[in-house]
Amino acid sequence: MEPQDLVPAPTPEARQWAMFCHYAAFFWFLVPMIGNVIGPLIVWQLKKDLDPFVNEQGKEALNFQITFSLAMIVCGILAWVVIGFPLMLLVSISALVLTIIAGIKANAGEAYRYPICWRVVK
């Protein structure tokens, strides 16, 4: 028996809230540049005590969105030398794809770790 076999599977409700933690980043479309951080932060703060899975995925979503925001700020600065515009597009598309994958994995009950992420919130 392996140690990961001893961890109970998250409940359907916990999986759904973990998915919402990731998908709350789409609040960015309503409040550009800060909505992607505020959305996951609110969902995580409201539901982190529901289940350890929600807490873990909420922190992961929040950390990734902070990393994404910092990357966009750097791209904005680099826009002065033109390279920032294509980088903004690349970073945005990557963040969109990774967020969708994370939500799908969380809803399936799998813990998702973003590949490029500065983990500020522990």
Protein backbone atom coordinates (compact mmCIF):
# COMPACT_ATOMS: atom_id res chain seq x y z
CA MET A 1 0.00 0.00 0.00
CA GLU A 2 1.43 3.37 -1.02
CA PRO A 3 1.13 6.58 1.06
CA GLN A 4 -1.03 8.34 -1.56
CA ASP A 5 -3.55 5.49 -1.26
CA LEU A 6 -4.25 6.55 2.35
CA VAL A 7 -5.46 10.03 1.36
CA PRO A 8 -9.24 10.03 0.94
CA ALA A 9 -10.59 11.13 -2.42
CA PRO A 10 -12.14 14.60 -2.43
CA THR A 11 -15.92 14.78 -2.33
CA PRO A 12 -17.82 15.94 -5.42
CA GLU A 13 -18.51 19.25 -3.68
CA ALA A 14 -14.81 19.73 -2.88
CA ARG A 15 -13.86 18.90 -6.48
CA GLN A 16 -16.38 21.44 -7.76
CA TRP A 17 -15.10 24.22 -5.47
CA ALA A 18 -11.50 23.40 -6.42
CA MET A 19 -12.51 23.78 -10.06
CA PHE A 20 -14.18 27.12 -9.25
CA CYS A 21 -10.93 28.29 -7.62
CA HIS A 22 -9.17 27.84 -10.96
CA TYR A 23 -12.01 29.18 -13.13
CA ALA A 24 -12.51 32.25 -10.93
CA ALA A 25 -9.45 33.62 -12.76
CA PHE A 26 -11.79 34.41 -15.64
CA PHE A 27 -13.01 37.31 -13.49
CA TRP A 28 -10.11 38.97 -15.33
CA PHE A 29 -12.47 39.62 -18.23
CA LEU A 30 -14.59 41.85 -15.97
CA VAL A 31 -11.75 43.50 -14.02
CA PRO A 32 -8.57 43.42 -16.15
CA MET A 33 -5.19 42.83 -14.51
CA ILE A 34 -6.52 42.29 -10.97
CA GLY A 35 -9.67 40.22 -11.48
CA ASN A 36 -7.62 37.11 -12.19
CA VAL A 37 -6.11 37.37 -8.71
CA ILE A 38 -9.21 38.61 -6.87
CA GLY A 39 -11.47 35.82 -8.22
CA PRO A 40 -9.42 32.85 -6.98
CA LEU A 41 -8.60 34.71 -3.75
CA ILE A 42 -12.29 35.19 -2.89
CA VAL A 43 -13.30 31.61 -3.73
CA TRP A 44 -10.31 30.18 -1.86
CA GLN A 45 -10.92 32.33 1.23
CA LEU A 46 -14.60 31.36 1.34
CA LYS A 47 -14.11 27.61 0.81
CA LYS A 48 -10.59 26.71 2.01
CA ASP A 49 -11.91 25.12 5.21
CA LEU A 50 -14.34 22.89 3.31
CA ASP A 51 -11.71 20.32 2.32
CA PRO A 52 -7.88 20.13 2.16
CA PHE A 53 -8.18 19.57 -1.60
CA VAL A 54 -9.97 22.91 -2.05
CA ASN A 55 -7.35 24.63 0.11
CA GLU A 56 -4.47 23.16 -1.90
CA GLN A 57 -5.99 23.90 -5.31
CA GLY A 58 -7.06 27.39 -4.24
CA LYS A 59 -3.50 28.24 -3.23
CA GLU A 60 -2.20 26.78 -6.47
CA ALA A 61 -4.67 28.83 -8.55
CA LEU A 62 -3.86 32.01 -6.62
CA ASN A 63 -0.11 31.51 -6.95
CA PHE A 64 -0.39 30.93 -10.69
CA GLN A 65 -2.51 34.02 -11.21
CA ILE A 66 -0.02 36.13 -9.25
CA THR A 67 2.76 34.72 -11.45
CA PHE A 68 0.69 35.45 -14.57
CA SER A 69 0.07 39.05 -13.45
CA LEU A 70 3.76 39.63 -12.82
CA ALA A 71 4.60 38.16 -16.23
CA MET A 72 2.10 40.50 -17.87
CA ILE A 73 3.65 43.49 -16.08
CA VAL A 74 7.07 42.47 -17.39
CA CYS A 75 5.59 42.09 -20.88
CA GLY A 76 4.06 45.55 -20.56
CA ILE A 77 7.46 46.98 -19.73
CA LEU A 78 9.02 45.09 -22.63
CA ALA A 79 6.36 46.50 -24.95
CA TRP A 80 8.52 49.63 -25.12
CA VAL A 81 10.99 47.57 -27.13
CA VAL A 82 8.22 45.84 -29.14
CA ILE A 83 9.02 42.28 -27.96
CA GLY A 84 6.46 42.65 -25.16
CA PHE A 85 3.44 42.46 -27.48
CA PRO A 86 4.10 38.96 -28.84
CA LEU A 87 5.14 37.85 -25.35
CA MET A 88 1.82 39.16 -23.94
CA LEU A 89 -0.04 37.06 -26.47
CA LEU A 90 2.04 33.97 -25.68
CA VAL A 91 1.69 34.39 -21.91
CA SER A 92 -2.06 35.02 -22.18
CA ILE A 93 -2.74 31.98 -24.35
CA SER A 94 -0.57 29.79 -22.11
CA ALA A 95 -2.37 31.01 -18.99
CA LEU A 96 -5.77 30.40 -20.59
CA VAL A 97 -4.87 26.84 -21.61
CA LEU A 98 -3.26 25.99 -18.26
CA THR A 99 -6.21 27.40 -16.31
CA ILE A 100 -8.68 25.32 -18.31
CA ILE A 101 -6.57 22.18 -17.83
CA ALA A 102 -6.28 22.88 -14.09
CA GLY A 103 -10.06 23.27 -13.74
CA ILE A 104 -10.71 20.03 -15.60
CA LYS A 105 -8.16 18.13 -13.49
CA ALA A 106 -9.51 19.60 -10.23
CA ASN A 107 -13.05 18.61 -11.17
CA ALA A 108 -11.78 15.08 -11.80
CA GLY A 109 -10.30 15.02 -8.29
CA GLU A 110 -6.68 15.21 -9.43
CA ALA A 111 -4.36 17.70 -7.74
CA TYR A 112 -2.94 19.96 -10.45
CA ARG A 113 0.37 21.81 -10.19
CA TYR A 114 1.02 24.55 -12.72
CA PRO A 115 4.34 23.95 -14.51
CA ILE A 116 5.59 27.56 -14.32
CA CYS A 117 4.53 29.10 -11.04
CA TRP A 118 6.07 31.20 -8.31
CA ARG A 119 4.49 29.84 -5.13
CA VAL A 120 4.09 32.93 -2.95
CA VAL A 121 1.12 31.69 -0.90
CA LYS A 122 2.16 28.65 1.11
